[in-house]
């Protein structure tokens, strides 16, 4: 079982990057995939989420209108397209998988919940985490 995040790099403010999260070893359609980031000295925070089975998406306010999450189910891969990048987007980005059966809530609410900072501190929420990929945005 593996989640592998890739696509990070260094860009100037206003630039774009596309992150990928490739899944293997589990039934991709049965999960929601969340994107998270952690800047040096800061807590891990949720960024976006997608329900692979129904395409429901969610974004935190700080990235709305700039980031787009999508999935290619044939490739078992979720993407995070990041445009208009800002220096404050600098962080290590992670993806994580949560079972679609976790909590008796809608896909939309599941995405909202798993991307909260509180959830990142709980046990039993995330089934798999990918290794991080570093994004550096210079001004």
C-alpha atoms as a PDB file:
ATOM      1  CA  UNK A   1       0.000   0.000   0.000  1.00  0.00           C
ATOM      2  CA  UNK A   2       1.456   3.296  -1.010  1.00  0.00           C
ATOM      3  CA  UNK A   3       0.674   6.929  -1.586  1.00  0.00           C
ATOM      4  CA  UNK A   4       3.388   8.794  -3.393  1.00  0.00           C
ATOM      5  CA  UNK A   5       3.348  12.562  -3.671  1.00  0.00           C
ATOM      6  CA  UNK A   6       5.477  14.289  -6.256  1.00  0.00           C
ATOM      7  CA  UNK A   7       5.733  17.437  -8.327  1.00  0.00           C
ATOM      8  CA  UNK A   8       7.103  19.903  -5.820  1.00  0.00           C
ATOM      9  CA  UNK A   9       9.748  22.426  -6.727  1.00  0.00           C
ATOM     10  CA  UNK A  10      10.805  26.039  -6.578  1.00  0.00           C
ATOM     11  CA  UNK A  11       8.886  28.772  -8.358  1.00  0.00           C
ATOM     12  CA  UNK A  12       8.523  32.508  -8.198  1.00  0.00           C
ATOM     13  CA  UNK A  13       5.436  34.150  -6.832  1.00  0.00           C
ATOM     14  CA  UNK A  14       2.646  34.022  -9.376  1.00  0.00           C
ATOM     15  CA  UNK A  15       3.902  30.774 -10.818  1.00  0.00           C
ATOM     16  CA  UNK A  16       2.272  27.362 -10.987  1.00  0.00           C
ATOM     17  CA  UNK A  17       2.996  23.803  -9.980  1.00  0.00           C
ATOM     18  CA  UNK A  18       1.046  20.579 -10.279  1.00  0.00           C
ATOM     19  CA  UNK A  19       1.395  18.035  -7.525  1.00  0.00           C
ATOM     20  CA  UNK A  20       0.529  14.375  -8.019  1.00  0.00           C
ATOM     21  CA  UNK A  21      -0.513  11.773  -5.478  1.00  0.00           C
ATOM     22  CA  UNK A  22      -0.277   8.261  -6.907  1.00  0.00           C
ATOM     23  CA  UNK A  23      -2.007   5.445  -5.026  1.00  0.00           C
ATOM     24  CA  UNK A  24      -1.258   1.754  -5.170  1.00  0.00           C
ATOM     25  CA  UNK A  25      -2.244  -1.318  -3.215  1.00  0.00           C
ATOM     26  CA  UNK A  26      -5.764  -0.258  -2.284  1.00  0.00           C
ATOM     27  CA  UNK A  27      -9.104   0.389  -3.979  1.00  0.00           C
ATOM     28  CA  UNK A  28      -8.750   4.002  -4.968  1.00  0.00           C
ATOM     29  CA  UNK A  29     -12.468   4.611  -5.455  1.00  0.00           C
ATOM     30  CA  UNK A  30     -13.212   3.787  -1.816  1.00  0.00           C
ATOM     31  CA  UNK A  31     -11.332   6.777  -0.450  1.00  0.00           C
ATOM     32  CA  UNK A  32     -11.264  10.521  -0.216  1.00  0.00           C
ATOM     33  CA  UNK A  33      -7.846  12.021  -0.796  1.00  0.00           C
ATOM     34  CA  UNK A  34      -6.784  15.089   1.104  1.00  0.00           C
ATOM     35  CA  UNK A  35      -3.910  17.459   0.473  1.00  0.00           C
ATOM     36  CA  UNK A  36      -2.100  18.970   3.434  1.00  0.00           C
ATOM     37  CA  UNK A  37       0.894  21.173   3.947  1.00  0.00           C
ATOM     38  CA  UNK A  38       3.296  21.961   6.707  1.00  0.00           C
ATOM     39  CA  UNK A  39       5.523  24.987   6.757  1.00  0.00           C
ATOM     40  CA  UNK A  40       8.603  25.108   8.994  1.00  0.00           C
ATOM     41  CA  UNK A  41       7.619  25.722  12.578  1.00  0.00           C
ATOM     42  CA  UNK A  42       3.909  25.492  11.829  1.00  0.00           C
ATOM     43  CA  UNK A  43       1.213  22.895  12.289  1.00  0.00           C
ATOM     44  CA  UNK A  44       0.118  20.704   9.443  1.00  0.00           C
ATOM     45  CA  UNK A  45      -2.933  22.177   7.759  1.00  0.00           C
ATOM     46  CA  UNK A  46      -5.440  20.882   5.288  1.00  0.00           C
ATOM     47  CA  UNK A  47      -5.520  22.439   1.838  1.00  0.00           C
ATOM     48  CA  UNK A  48      -7.974  20.539  -0.306  1.00  0.00           C
ATOM     49  CA  UNK A  49      -9.807  17.266  -0.646  1.00  0.00           C
ATOM     50  CA  UNK A  50     -11.531  15.174  -3.284  1.00  0.00           C
ATOM     51  CA  UNK A  51     -13.906  12.267  -2.988  1.00  0.00           C
ATOM     52  CA  UNK A  52     -12.661   9.899  -5.663  1.00  0.00           C
ATOM     53  CA  UNK A  53     -15.982   8.092  -6.093  1.00  0.00           C
ATOM     54  CA  UNK A  54     -18.213  11.116  -6.712  1.00  0.00           C
ATOM     55  CA  UNK A  55     -15.780  13.951  -7.458  1.00  0.00           C
ATOM     56  CA  UNK A  56     -16.827  16.124  -4.530  1.00  0.00           C
ATOM     57  CA  UNK A  57     -14.124  18.685  -3.830  1.00  0.00           C
ATOM     58  CA  UNK A  58     -13.294  21.045  -1.014  1.00  0.00           C
ATOM     59  CA  UNK A  59     -10.813  23.878  -0.587  1.00  0.00           C
ATOM     60  CA  UNK A  60      -9.774  25.890   2.390  1.00  0.00           C
ATOM     61  CA  UNK A  61     -10.320  29.623   2.006  1.00  0.00           C
ATOM     62  CA  UNK A  62      -6.650  30.476   1.580  1.00  0.00           C
ATOM     63  CA  UNK A  63      -6.383  28.498  -1.674  1.00  0.00           C
ATOM     64  CA  UNK A  64      -9.858  28.898  -3.160  1.00  0.00           C
ATOM     65  CA  UNK A  65      -9.707  30.173  -6.689  1.00  0.00           C
ATOM     66  CA  UNK A  66      -6.012  29.348  -6.992  1.00  0.00           C
ATOM     67  CA  UNK A  67      -5.782  25.595  -6.411  1.00  0.00           C
ATOM     68  CA  UNK A  68      -7.727  22.879  -8.215  1.00  0.00           C
ATOM     69  CA  UNK A  69      -7.902  19.263  -7.111  1.00  0.00           C
ATOM     70  CA  UNK A  70      -8.784  16.524  -9.576  1.00  0.00           C
ATOM     71  CA  UNK A  71      -8.483  12.783  -9.949  1.00  0.00           C
ATOM     72  CA  UNK A  72      -7.657  10.405 -12.764  1.00  0.00           C
ATOM     73  CA  UNK A  73      -9.236   7.193 -11.580  1.00  0.00           C
ATOM     74  CA  UNK A  74      -7.703   5.181 -14.403  1.00  0.00           C
ATOM     75  CA  UNK A  75      -4.272   6.153 -13.118  1.00  0.00           C
ATOM     76  CA  UNK A  76      -5.176   6.014  -9.414  1.00  0.00           C
ATOM     77  CA  UNK A  77      -3.796   9.510  -9.132  1.00  0.00           C
ATOM     78  CA  UNK A  78      -5.022  12.737  -7.594  1.00  0.00           C
ATOM     79  CA  UNK A  79      -3.637  16.072  -8.739  1.00  0.00           C
ATOM     80  CA  UNK A  80      -3.366  19.454  -7.104  1.00  0.00           C
ATOM     81  CA  UNK A  81      -2.944  22.219  -9.635  1.00  0.00           C
ATOM     82  CA  UNK A  82      -1.567  25.259  -7.855  1.00  0.00           C
ATOM     83  CA  UNK A  83      -1.716  28.597  -9.665  1.00  0.00           C
ATOM     84  CA  UNK A  84      -0.927  32.140  -8.570  1.00  0.00           C
ATOM     85  CA  UNK A  85       1.404  30.788  -5.955  1.00  0.00           C
ATOM     86  CA  UNK A  86       2.379  33.023  -3.048  1.00  0.00           C
ATOM     87  CA  UNK A  87       5.385  32.872  -0.736  1.00  0.00           C
ATOM     88  CA  UNK A  88       3.031  31.800   2.056  1.00  0.00           C
ATOM     89  CA  UNK A  89       2.270  28.634   0.080  1.00  0.00           C
ATOM     90  CA  UNK A  90       5.813  27.484   0.792  1.00  0.00           C
ATOM     91  CA  UNK A  91       5.606  24.180   2.673  1.00  0.00           C
ATOM     92  CA  UNK A  92       6.011  20.458   2.411  1.00  0.00           C
ATOM     93  CA  UNK A  93       2.851  19.095   0.831  1.00  0.00           C
ATOM     94  CA  UNK A  94       1.396  15.717   1.731  1.00  0.00           C
ATOM     95  CA  UNK A  95      -1.504  13.642   0.513  1.00  0.00           C
ATOM     96  CA  UNK A  96      -3.521  11.297   2.681  1.00  0.00           C
ATOM     97  CA  UNK A  97      -6.304   8.788   2.109  1.00  0.00           C
ATOM     98  CA  UNK A  98      -9.409   8.428   4.260  1.00  0.00           C
ATOM     99  CA  UNK A  99     -11.893   5.637   3.763  1.00  0.00           C
ATOM    100  CA  UNK A 100     -15.217   6.721   2.349  1.00  0.00           C
ATOM    101  CA  UNK A 101     -16.841   4.758   5.168  1.00  0.00           C
ATOM    102  CA  UNK A 102     -15.191   6.906   7.831  1.00  0.00           C
ATOM    103  CA  UNK A 103     -17.909   8.767   9.700  1.00  0.00           C
ATOM    104  CA  UNK A 104     -21.565   8.728   8.709  1.00  0.00           C
ATOM    105  CA  UNK A 105     -21.439  12.003   6.813  1.00  0.00           C
ATOM    106  CA  UNK A 106     -21.661  13.153   3.218  1.00  0.00           C
ATOM    107  CA  UNK A 107     -18.598  13.308   0.973  1.00  0.00           C
ATOM    108  CA  UNK A 108     -18.625  17.060   1.283  1.00  0.00           C
ATOM    109  CA  UNK A 109     -18.610  17.023   5.070  1.00  0.00           C
ATOM    110  CA  UNK A 110     -16.020  14.237   5.130  1.00  0.00           C
ATOM    111  CA  UNK A 111     -13.674  16.416   3.096  1.00  0.00           C
ATOM    112  CA  UNK A 112     -14.344  19.423   5.305  1.00  0.00           C
ATOM    113  CA  UNK A 113     -13.654  17.451   8.461  1.00  0.00           C
ATOM    114  CA  UNK A 114     -10.482  15.653   7.392  1.00  0.00           C
ATOM    115  CA  UNK A 115      -8.853  18.901   6.287  1.00  0.00           C
ATOM    116  CA  UNK A 116      -9.203  20.537   9.687  1.00  0.00           C
ATOM    117  CA  UNK A 117      -6.151  20.941  11.877  1.00  0.00           C
ATOM    118  CA  UNK A 118      -7.996  19.143  14.649  1.00  0.00           C
ATOM    119  CA  UNK A 119      -8.428  16.069  12.472  1.00  0.00           C
ATOM    120  CA  UNK A 120      -4.738  15.942  11.678  1.00  0.00           C
ATOM    121  CA  UNK A 121      -4.117  15.482  15.400  1.00  0.00           C
ATOM    122  CA  UNK A 122      -6.600  12.626  15.808  1.00  0.00           C
ATOM    123  CA  UNK A 123      -5.938   8.938  15.457  1.00  0.00           C
ATOM    124  CA  UNK A 124      -8.048   6.651  13.331  1.00  0.00           C
ATOM    125  CA  UNK A 125      -8.852   9.194  10.647  1.00  0.00           C
ATOM    126  CA  UNK A 126      -6.245   8.748   7.938  1.00  0.00           C
ATOM    127  CA  UNK A 127      -5.575   5.316   6.527  1.00  0.00           C
ATOM    128  CA  UNK A 128      -2.516   6.213   4.498  1.00  0.00           C
ATOM    129  CA  UNK A 129      -0.128   9.137   4.191  1.00  0.00           C
ATOM    130  CA  UNK A 130       2.227   9.875   1.365  1.00  0.00           C
ATOM    131  CA  UNK A 131       5.709  11.201   1.845  1.00  0.00           C
ATOM    132  CA  UNK A 132       5.939  14.946   1.411  1.00  0.00           C
ATOM    133  CA  UNK A 133       6.958  16.958  -1.597  1.00  0.00           C
ATOM    134  CA  UNK A 134       8.514  20.355  -1.015  1.00  0.00           C
ATOM    135  CA  UNK A 135       7.141  23.519  -2.561  1.00  0.00           C
ATOM    136  CA  UNK A 136       9.124  26.739  -2.341  1.00  0.00           C
ATOM    137  CA  UNK A 137       7.691  30.013  -3.602  1.00  0.00           C
ATOM    138  CA  UNK A 138      10.023  32.970  -3.750  1.00  0.00           C
ATOM    139  CA  UNK A 139       8.964  36.602  -3.867  1.00  0.00           C
END
